[in-house]
Amino acid sequence: MDACKAGFGSEEHLGLTSSFDYAGPMTETVLMGNLAIRSYMLRKENEQGQMDFFARKKLLRDGENMRITNLEEANQFVGRTYRDGWEV
């Protein structure tokens, strides 16, 4: 908390063993991998009654808006739904 309050480049920030400027992008990378794995198994029934795995492609993300831009169905895994009484 002290490093967050002190800001980027401060003595507290530089003293961290896992700096936010490293840990933040790394966490996003791991979460994007989880999103890709979950999306990989999305499927729809085709005209012949067989299941097509339609989401087996490279995912493109808009980090600023927290959205997958080329596969709308993958956005169901982005964010969370809060239970009643636990909303933020």
PDB file of N, CA and C in Angstrom:
ATOM      1  N   MET A   1       0.824  -1.183   0.000  1.00  0.00           N
ATOM      2  CA  MET A   1       0.000   0.000   0.000  1.00  0.00           C
ATOM      3  C   MET A   1       0.869   1.247   0.000  1.00  0.00           C
ATOM      4  N   ASP A   2       1.965   1.188   0.729  1.00  0.00           N
ATOM      5  CA  ASP A   2       2.852   2.352   0.779  1.00  0.00           C
ATOM      6  C   ASP A   2       3.399   2.679  -0.605  1.00  0.00           C
ATOM      7  N   ALA A   3       3.754   1.640  -1.368  1.00  0.00           N
ATOM      8  CA  ALA A   3       4.288   1.863  -2.713  1.00  0.00           C
ATOM      9  C   ALA A   3       3.228   2.454  -3.637  1.00  0.00           C
ATOM     10  N   CYS A   4       1.978   2.013  -3.497  1.00  0.00           N
ATOM     11  CA  CYS A   4       0.889   2.573  -4.306  1.00  0.00           C
ATOM     12  C   CYS A   4       0.690   4.044  -3.988  1.00  0.00           C
ATOM     13  N   LYS A   5       0.671   4.355  -2.717  1.00  0.00           N
ATOM     14  CA  LYS A   5       0.458   5.736  -2.297  1.00  0.00           C
ATOM     15  C   LYS A   5       1.634   6.628  -2.681  1.00  0.00           C
ATOM     16  N   ALA A   6       2.854   6.096  -2.590  1.00  0.00           N
ATOM     17  CA  ALA A   6       4.044   6.894  -2.889  1.00  0.00           C
ATOM     18  C   ALA A   6       4.207   7.148  -4.382  1.00  0.00           C
ATOM     19  N   GLY A   7       3.746   6.212  -5.216  1.00  0.00           N
ATOM     20  CA  GLY A   7       3.777   6.413  -6.663  1.00  0.00           C
ATOM     21  C   GLY A   7       4.948   5.755  -7.365  1.00  0.00           C
ATOM     22  N   PHE A   8       4.844   5.733  -8.679  1.00  0.00           N
ATOM     23  CA  PHE A   8       5.846   5.102  -9.539  1.00  0.00           C
ATOM     24  C   PHE A   8       7.187   5.809  -9.396  1.00  0.00           C
ATOM     25  N   GLY A   9       8.247   5.045  -9.263  1.00  0.00           N
ATOM     26  CA  GLY A   9       9.589   5.592  -9.171  1.00  0.00           C
ATOM     27  C   GLY A   9      10.001   6.022  -7.775  1.00  0.00           C
ATOM     28  N   SER A  10       9.084   5.917  -6.816  1.00  0.00           N
ATOM     29  CA  SER A  10       9.411   6.312  -5.443  1.00  0.00           C
ATOM     30  C   SER A  10      10.332   5.280  -4.793  1.00  0.00           C
ATOM     31  N   GLU A  11      10.887   5.627  -3.670  1.00  0.00           N
ATOM     32  CA  GLU A  11      11.758   4.708  -2.933  1.00  0.00           C
ATOM     33  C   GLU A  11      10.999   3.439  -2.553  1.00  0.00           C
ATOM     34  N   GLU A  12       9.740   3.593  -2.143  1.00  0.00           N
ATOM     35  CA  GLU A  12       8.911   2.432  -1.776  1.00  0.00           C
ATOM     36  C   GLU A  12       8.661   1.548  -2.990  1.00  0.00           C
ATOM     37  N   HIS A  13       8.407   2.164  -4.140  1.00  0.00           N
ATOM     38  CA  HIS A  13       8.165   1.409  -5.368  1.00  0.00           C
ATOM     39  C   HIS A  13       9.413   0.652  -5.790  1.00  0.00           C
ATOM     40  N   LEU A  14      10.549   1.310  -5.755  1.00  0.00           N
ATOM     41  CA  LEU A  14      11.799   0.681  -6.177  1.00  0.00           C
ATOM     42  C   LEU A  14      12.236  -0.423  -5.219  1.00  0.00           C
ATOM     43  N   GLY A  15      11.747  -0.401  -3.987  1.00  0.00           N
ATOM     44  CA  GLY A  15      12.110  -1.415  -3.009  1.00  0.00           C
ATOM     45  C   GLY A  15      11.267  -2.674  -3.061  1.00  0.00           C
ATOM     46  N   LEU A  16      10.266  -2.712  -3.913  1.00  0.00           N
ATOM     47  CA  LEU A  16       9.407  -3.892  -4.014  1.00  0.00           C
ATOM     48  C   LEU A  16      10.153  -5.072  -4.635  1.00  0.00           C
ATOM     49  N   THR A  17       9.846  -6.277  -4.185  1.00  0.00           N
ATOM     50  CA  THR A  17      10.457  -7.461  -4.782  1.00  0.00           C
ATOM     51  C   THR A  17       9.735  -7.868  -6.064  1.00  0.00           C
ATOM     52  N   SER A  18       8.467  -7.506  -6.195  1.00  0.00           N
ATOM     53  CA  SER A  18       7.704  -7.734  -7.422  1.00  0.00           C
ATOM     54  C   SER A  18       6.945  -6.459  -7.721  1.00  0.00           C
ATOM     55  N   SER A  19       7.531  -5.639  -8.538  1.00  0.00           N
ATOM     56  CA  SER A  19       6.993  -4.320  -8.827  1.00  0.00           C
ATOM     57  C   SER A  19       5.680  -4.418  -9.613  1.00  0.00           C
ATOM     58  N   PHE A  20       4.792  -3.464  -9.387  1.00  0.00           N
ATOM     59  CA  PHE A  20       3.508  -3.437 -10.085  1.00  0.00           C
ATOM     60  C   PHE A  20       3.692  -3.264 -11.589  1.00  0.00           C
ATOM     61  N   ASP A  21       4.721  -2.553 -12.013  1.00  0.00           N
ATOM     62  CA  ASP A  21       4.928  -2.362 -13.446  1.00  0.00           C
ATOM     63  C   ASP A  21       5.352  -3.657 -14.137  1.00  0.00           C
ATOM     64  N   TYR A  22       5.786  -4.639 -13.377  1.00  0.00           N
ATOM     65  CA  TYR A  22       6.093  -5.967 -13.917  1.00  0.00           C
ATOM     66  C   TYR A  22       4.931  -6.925 -13.672  1.00  0.00           C
ATOM     67  N   ALA A  23       4.408  -6.928 -12.453  1.00  0.00           N
ATOM     68  CA  ALA A  23       3.385  -7.889 -12.061  1.00  0.00           C
ATOM     69  C   ALA A  23       2.054  -7.642 -12.767  1.00  0.00           C
ATOM     70  N   GLY A  24       1.701  -6.392 -13.026  1.00  0.00           N
ATOM     71  CA  GLY A  24       0.432  -6.079 -13.689  1.00  0.00           C
ATOM     72  C   GLY A  24       0.333  -6.677 -15.077  1.00  0.00           C
ATOM     73  N   PRO A  25       1.281  -6.364 -15.988  1.00  0.00           N
ATOM     74  CA  PRO A  25       1.243  -6.962 -17.324  1.00  0.00           C
ATOM     75  C   PRO A  25       1.369  -8.481 -17.314  1.00  0.00           C
ATOM     76  N   MET A  26       2.154  -9.019 -16.371  1.00  0.00           N
ATOM     77  CA  MET A  26       2.284 -10.475 -16.285  1.00  0.00           C
ATOM     78  C   MET A  26       0.949 -11.117 -15.904  1.00  0.00           C
ATOM     79  N   THR A  27       0.241 -10.506 -14.963  1.00  0.00           N
ATOM     80  CA  THR A  27      -1.067 -11.014 -14.563  1.00  0.00           C
ATOM     81  C   THR A  27      -2.036 -10.961 -15.729  1.00  0.00           C
ATOM     82  N   GLU A  28      -2.023  -9.873 -16.489  1.00  0.00           N
ATOM     83  CA  GLU A  28      -2.902  -9.765 -17.661  1.00  0.00           C
ATOM     84  C   GLU A  28      -2.600 -10.858 -18.671  1.00  0.00           C
ATOM     85  N   THR A  29      -1.324 -11.191 -18.844  1.00  0.00           N
ATOM     86  CA  THR A  29      -0.939 -12.242 -19.780  1.00  0.00           C
ATOM     87  C   THR A  29      -1.485 -13.598 -19.333  1.00  0.00           C
ATOM     88  N   VAL A  30      -1.363 -13.900 -18.052  1.00  0.00           N
ATOM     89  CA  VAL A  30      -1.878 -15.176 -17.521  1.00  0.00           C
ATOM     90  C   VAL A  30      -3.394 -15.234 -17.660  1.00  0.00           C
ATOM     91  N   LEU A  31      -4.081 -14.144 -17.346  1.00  0.00           N
ATOM     92  CA  LEU A  31      -5.539 -14.125 -17.466  1.00  0.00           C
ATOM     93  C   LEU A  31      -5.976 -14.260 -18.919  1.00  0.00           C
ATOM     94  N   MET A  32      -5.232 -13.663 -19.834  1.00  0.00           N
ATOM     95  CA  MET A  32      -5.550 -13.804 -21.260  1.00  0.00           C
ATOM     96  C   MET A  32      -5.384 -15.258 -21.706  1.00  0.00           C
ATOM     97  N   GLY A  33      -4.379 -15.949 -21.164  1.00  0.00           N
ATOM     98  CA  GLY A  33      -4.211 -17.374 -21.458  1.00  0.00           C
ATOM     99  C   GLY A  33      -5.388 -18.192 -20.961  1.00  0.00           C
ATOM    100  N   ASN A  34      -5.877 -17.881 -19.764  1.00  0.00           N
ATOM    101  CA  ASN A  34      -7.056 -18.577 -19.240  1.00  0.00           C
ATOM    102  C   ASN A  34      -8.267 -18.314 -20.112  1.00  0.00           C
ATOM    103  N   LEU A  35      -8.416 -17.095 -20.569  1.00  0.00           N
ATOM    104  CA  LEU A  35      -9.528 -16.745 -21.448  1.00  0.00           C
ATOM    105  C   LEU A  35      -9.448 -17.525 -22.760  1.00  0.00           C
ATOM    106  N   ALA A  36      -8.250 -17.662 -23.296  1.00  0.00           N
ATOM    107  CA  ALA A  36      -8.066 -18.413 -24.536  1.00  0.00           C
ATOM    108  C   ALA A  36      -8.420 -19.887 -24.348  1.00  0.00           C
ATOM    109  N   ILE A  37      -8.025 -20.462 -23.214  1.00  0.00           N
ATOM    110  CA  ILE A  37      -8.337 -21.870 -22.949  1.00  0.00           C
ATOM    111  C   ILE A  37      -9.839 -22.075 -22.824  1.00  0.00           C
ATOM    112  N   ARG A  38     -10.514 -21.191 -22.098  1.00  0.00           N
ATOM    113  CA  ARG A  38     -11.966 -21.327 -21.934  1.00  0.00           C
ATOM    114  C   ARG A  38     -12.692 -21.132 -23.261  1.00  0.00           C
ATOM    115  N   SER A  39     -12.235 -20.190 -24.060  1.00  0.00           N
ATOM    116  CA  SER A  39     -12.877 -19.915 -25.347  1.00  0.00           C
ATOM    117  C   SER A  39     -12.642 -21.034 -26.348  1.00  0.00           C
ATOM    118  N   TYR A  40     -11.539 -21.726 -26.237  1.00  0.00           N
ATOM    119  CA  TYR A  40     -11.166 -22.789 -27.161  1.00  0.00           C
ATOM    120  C   TYR A  40     -12.248 -23.865 -27.251  1.00  0.00           C
ATOM    121  N   MET A  41     -12.978 -24.091 -26.179  1.00  0.00           N
ATOM    122  CA  MET A  41     -13.974 -25.158 -26.150  1.00  0.00           C
ATOM    123  C   MET A  41     -15.388 -24.690 -26.513  1.00  0.00           C
ATOM    124  N   LEU A  42     -15.573 -23.424 -26.872  1.00  0.00           N
ATOM    125  CA  LEU A  42     -16.894 -22.948 -27.274  1.00  0.00           C
ATOM    126  C   LEU A  42     -17.312 -23.641 -28.567  1.00  0.00           C
ATOM    127  N   ARG A  43     -18.568 -24.030 -28.642  1.00  0.00           N
ATOM    128  CA  ARG A  43     -19.030 -24.750 -29.827  1.00  0.00           C
ATOM    129  C   ARG A  43     -20.498 -24.458 -30.107  1.00  0.00           C
ATOM    130  N   LYS A  44     -20.885 -24.702 -31.373  1.00  0.00           N
ATOM    131  CA  LYS A  44     -22.267 -24.550 -31.832  1.00  0.00           C
ATOM    132  C   LYS A  44     -22.615 -25.762 -32.693  1.00  0.00           C
ATOM    133  N   GLU A  45     -23.894 -26.058 -32.728  1.00  0.00           N
ATOM    134  CA  GLU A  45     -24.348 -27.149 -33.592  1.00  0.00           C
ATOM    135  C   GLU A  45     -24.498 -26.613 -35.005  1.00  0.00           C
ATOM    136  N   ASN A  46     -23.960 -27.348 -36.003  1.00  0.00           N
ATOM    137  CA  ASN A  46     -24.076 -26.931 -37.402  1.00  0.00           C
ATOM    138  C   ASN A  46     -25.312 -27.547 -38.052  1.00  0.00           C
ATOM    139  N   GLU A  47     -25.481 -27.318 -39.351  1.00  0.00           N
ATOM    140  CA  GLU A  47     -26.673 -27.800 -40.081  1.00  0.00           C
ATOM    141  C   GLU A  47     -26.783 -29.319 -40.106  1.00  0.00           C
ATOM    142  N   GLN A  48     -25.649 -30.009 -40.024  1.00  0.00           N
ATOM    143  CA  GLN A  48     -25.653 -31.473 -40.039  1.00  0.00           C
ATOM    144  C   GLN A  48     -25.865 -32.071 -38.648  1.00  0.00           C
ATOM    145  N   GLY A  49     -26.061 -31.243 -37.652  1.00  0.00           N
ATOM    146  CA  GLY A  49     -26.274 -31.728 -36.298  1.00  0.00           C
ATOM    147  C   GLY A  49     -24.987 -32.032 -35.537  1.00  0.00           C
ATOM    148  N   GLN A  50     -23.851 -31.691 -36.128  1.00  0.00           N
ATOM    149  CA  GLN A  50     -22.578 -31.913 -35.465  1.00  0.00           C
ATOM    150  C   GLN A  50     -22.136 -30.627 -34.764  1.00  0.00           C
ATOM    151  N   MET A  51     -21.220 -30.780 -33.828  1.00  0.00           N
ATOM    152  CA  MET A  51     -20.733 -29.631 -33.082  1.00  0.00           C
ATOM    153  C   MET A  51     -19.491 -29.053 -33.756  1.00  0.00           C
ATOM    154  N   ASP A  52     -19.512 -27.746 -34.009  1.00  0.00           N
ATOM    155  CA  ASP A  52     -18.361 -27.030 -34.552  1.00  0.00           C
ATOM    156  C   ASP A  52     -17.714 -26.221 -33.437  1.00  0.00           C
ATOM    157  N   PHE A  53     -16.408 -26.376 -33.302  1.00  0.00           N
ATOM    158  CA  PHE A  53     -15.653 -25.574 -32.346  1.00  0.00           C
ATOM    159  C   PHE A  53     -15.243 -24.289 -33.069  1.00  0.00           C
ATOM    160  N   PHE A  54     -16.076 -23.270 -32.971  1.00  0.00           N
ATOM    161  CA  PHE A  54     -15.932 -22.062 -33.768  1.00  0.00           C
ATOM    162  C   PHE A  54     -14.927 -21.058 -33.203  1.00  0.00           C
ATOM    163  N   ALA A  55     -14.500 -21.224 -31.971  1.00  0.00           N
ATOM    164  CA  ALA A  55     -13.688 -20.201 -31.313  1.00  0.00           C
ATOM    165  C   ALA A  55     -12.208 -20.531 -31.290  1.00  0.00           C
ATOM    166  N   ARG A  56     -11.788 -21.457 -32.076  1.00  0.00           N
ATOM    167  CA  ARG A  56     -10.380 -21.860 -32.068  1.00  0.00           C
ATOM    168  C   ARG A  56      -9.581 -20.955 -32.998  1.00  0.00           C
ATOM    169  N   LYS A  57      -9.346 -19.745 -32.488  1.00  0.00           N
ATOM    170  CA  LYS A  57      -8.585 -18.767 -33.245  1.00  0.00           C
ATOM    171  C   LYS A  57      -7.897 -17.803 -32.291  1.00  0.00           C
ATOM    172  N   LYS A  58      -7.004 -17.022 -32.832  1.00  0.00           N
ATOM    173  CA  LYS A  58      -6.287 -16.023 -32.046  1.00  0.00           C
ATOM    174  C   LYS A  58      -7.276 -14.968 -31.558  1.00  0.00           C
ATOM    175  N   LEU A  59      -7.207 -14.660 -30.263  1.00  0.00           N
ATOM    176  CA  LEU A  59      -8.091 -13.653 -29.690  1.00  0.00           C
ATOM    177  C   LEU A  59      -7.399 -12.295 -29.701  1.00  0.00           C
ATOM    178  N   LEU A  60      -8.139 -11.291 -30.081  1.00  0.00           N
ATOM    179  CA  LEU A  60      -7.642  -9.916 -30.080  1.00  0.00           C
ATOM    180  C   LEU A  60      -8.376  -9.150 -28.998  1.00  0.00           C
ATOM    181  N   ARG A  61      -7.612  -8.444 -28.143  1.00  0.00           N
ATOM    182  CA  ARG A  61      -8.255  -7.767 -27.035  1.00  0.00           C
ATOM    183  C   ARG A  61      -8.058  -6.266 -27.079  1.00  0.00           C
ATOM    184  N   ASP A  62      -9.020  -5.592 -26.534  1.00  0.00           N
ATOM    185  CA  ASP A  62      -8.954  -4.157 -26.306  1.00  0.00           C
ATOM    186  C   ASP A  62      -8.797  -3.998 -24.802  1.00  0.00           C
ATOM    187  N   GLY A  63      -7.563  -3.858 -24.340  1.00  0.00           N
ATOM    188  CA  GLY A  63      -7.273  -3.809 -22.911  1.00  0.00           C
ATOM    189  C   GLY A  63      -7.910  -2.629 -22.213  1.00  0.00           C
ATOM    190  N   GLU A  64      -7.986  -1.505 -22.904  1.00  0.00           N
ATOM    191  CA  GLU A  64      -8.553  -0.295 -22.319  1.00  0.00           C
ATOM    192  C   GLU A  64     -10.023  -0.496 -21.935  1.00  0.00           C
ATOM    193  N   ASN A  65     -10.764  -1.197 -22.807  1.00  0.00           N
ATOM    194  CA  ASN A  65     -12.193  -1.425 -22.577  1.00  0.00           C
ATOM    195  C   ASN A  65     -12.505  -2.811 -22.043  1.00  0.00           C
ATOM    196  N   MET A  66     -11.458  -3.617 -21.791  1.00  0.00           N
ATOM    197  CA  MET A  66     -11.611  -4.989 -21.299  1.00  0.00           C
ATOM    198  C   MET A  66     -12.602  -5.789 -22.154  1.00  0.00           C
ATOM    199  N   ARG A  67     -12.322  -5.883 -23.449  1.00  0.00           N
ATOM    200  CA  ARG A  67     -13.178  -6.596 -24.389  1.00  0.00           C
ATOM    201  C   ARG A  67     -12.323  -7.420 -25.348  1.00  0.00           C
ATOM    202  N   ILE A  68     -12.886  -8.537 -25.804  1.00  0.00           N
ATOM    203  CA  ILE A  68     -12.318  -9.294 -26.912  1.00  0.00           C
ATOM    204  C   ILE A  68     -13.001  -8.747 -28.156  1.00  0.00           C
ATOM    205  N   THR A  69     -12.219  -8.313 -29.129  1.00  0.00           N
ATOM    206  CA  THR A  69     -12.800  -7.606 -30.269  1.00  0.00           C
ATOM    207  C   THR A  69     -13.221  -8.508 -31.424  1.00  0.00           C
ATOM    208  N   ASN A  70     -12.658  -9.692 -31.536  1.00  0.00           N
ATOM    209  CA  ASN A  70     -12.962 -10.523 -32.698  1.00  0.00           C
ATOM    210  C   ASN A  70     -13.772 -11.783 -32.373  1.00  0.00           C
ATOM    211  N   LEU A  71     -14.226 -11.926 -31.126  1.00  0.00           N
ATOM    212  CA  LEU A  71     -15.039 -13.085 -30.755  1.00  0.00           C
ATOM    213  C   LEU A  71     -15.941 -12.684 -29.591  1.00  0.00           C
ATOM    214  N   GLU A  72     -17.114 -12.211 -29.923  1.00  0.00           N
ATOM    215  CA  GLU A  72     -18.027 -11.685 -28.905  1.00  0.00           C
ATOM    216  C   GLU A  72     -18.355 -12.719 -27.831  1.00  0.00           C
ATOM    217  N   GLU A  73     -18.453 -13.984 -28.195  1.00  0.00           N
ATOM    218  CA  GLU A  73     -18.799 -15.026 -27.237  1.00  0.00           C
ATOM    219  C   GLU A  73     -17.757 -15.170 -26.131  1.00  0.00           C
ATOM    220  N   ALA A  74     -16.518 -14.803 -26.398  1.00  0.00           N
ATOM    221  CA  ALA A  74     -15.454 -14.912 -25.392  1.00  0.00           C
ATOM    222  C   ALA A  74     -15.625 -13.873 -24.282  1.00  0.00           C
ATOM    223  N   ASN A  75     -16.363 -12.809 -24.551  1.00  0.00           N
ATOM    224  CA  ASN A  75     -16.541 -11.757 -23.555  1.00  0.00           C
ATOM    225  C   ASN A  75     -17.374 -12.202 -22.360  1.00  0.00           C
ATOM    226  N   GLN A  76     -18.038 -13.348 -22.464  1.00  0.00           N
ATOM    227  CA  GLN A  76     -18.772 -13.874 -21.310  1.00  0.00           C
ATOM    228  C   GLN A  76     -17.825 -14.266 -20.180  1.00  0.00           C
ATOM    229  N   PHE A  77     -16.554 -14.484 -20.502  1.00  0.00           N
ATOM    230  CA  PHE A  77     -15.574 -14.865 -19.495  1.00  0.00           C
ATOM    231  C   PHE A  77     -14.801 -13.666 -18.934  1.00  0.00           C
ATOM    232  N   VAL A  78     -15.072 -12.477 -19.448  1.00  0.00           N
ATOM    233  CA  VAL A  78     -14.391 -11.257 -18.999  1.00  0.00           C
ATOM    234  C   VAL A  78     -15.260 -10.595 -17.940  1.00  0.00           C
ATOM    235  N   GLY A  79     -14.683 -10.267 -16.819  1.00  0.00           N
ATOM    236  CA  GLY A  79     -15.454  -9.627 -15.752  1.00  0.00           C
ATOM    237  C   GLY A  79     -16.136 -10.666 -14.883  1.00  0.00           C
ATOM    238  N   ARG A  80     -17.056 -10.193 -14.055  1.00  0.00           N
ATOM    239  CA  ARG A  80     -17.759 -11.123 -13.175  1.00  0.00           C
ATOM    240  C   ARG A  80     -19.147 -10.607 -12.863  1.00  0.00           C
ATOM    241  N   THR A  81     -19.989 -11.534 -12.437  1.00  0.00           N
ATOM    242  CA  THR A  81     -21.333 -11.203 -11.984  1.00  0.00           C
ATOM    243  C   THR A  81     -21.347 -11.363 -10.472  1.00  0.00           C
ATOM    244  N   TYR A  82     -21.726 -10.314  -9.784  1.00  0.00           N
ATOM    245  CA  TYR A  82     -21.728 -10.332  -8.326  1.00  0.00           C
ATOM    246  C   TYR A  82     -23.072 -10.839  -7.788  1.00  0.00           C
ATOM    247  N   ARG A  83     -23.012 -11.541  -6.677  1.00  0.00           N
ATOM    248  CA  ARG A  83     -24.225 -11.964  -5.990  1.00  0.00           C
ATOM    249  C   ARG A  83     -24.876 -10.750  -5.355  1.00  0.00           C
ATOM    250  N   ASP A  84     -26.190 -10.856  -5.121  1.00  0.00           N
ATOM    251  CA  ASP A  84     -26.909  -9.758  -4.468  1.00  0.00           C
ATOM    252  C   ASP A  84     -26.261  -9.452  -3.117  1.00  0.00           C
ATOM    253  N   GLY A  85     -26.066  -8.161  -2.877  1.00  0.00           N
ATOM    254  CA  GLY A  85     -25.457  -7.718  -1.644  1.00  0.00           C
ATOM    255  C   GLY A  85     -23.947  -7.615  -1.684  1.00  0.00           C
ATOM    256  N   TRP A  86     -23.310  -8.076  -2.767  1.00  0.00           N
ATOM    257  CA  TRP A  86     -21.850  -8.055  -2.881  1.00  0.00           C
ATOM    258  C   TRP A  86     -21.383  -7.186  -4.040  1.00  0.00           C
ATOM    259  N   GLU A  87     -22.247  -6.344  -4.578  1.00  0.00           N
ATOM    260  CA  GLU A  87     -21.888  -5.503  -5.708  1.00  0.00           C
ATOM    261  C   GLU A  87     -20.816  -4.499  -5.308  1.00  0.00           C
ATOM    262  N   VAL A  88     -20.013  -4.117  -6.287  1.00  0.00           N
ATOM    263  CA  VAL A  88     -18.987  -3.107  -6.048  1.00  0.00           C
ATOM    264  C   VAL A  88     -19.454  -1.792  -6.619  1.00  0.00           C
TER     265      VAL A  88
END
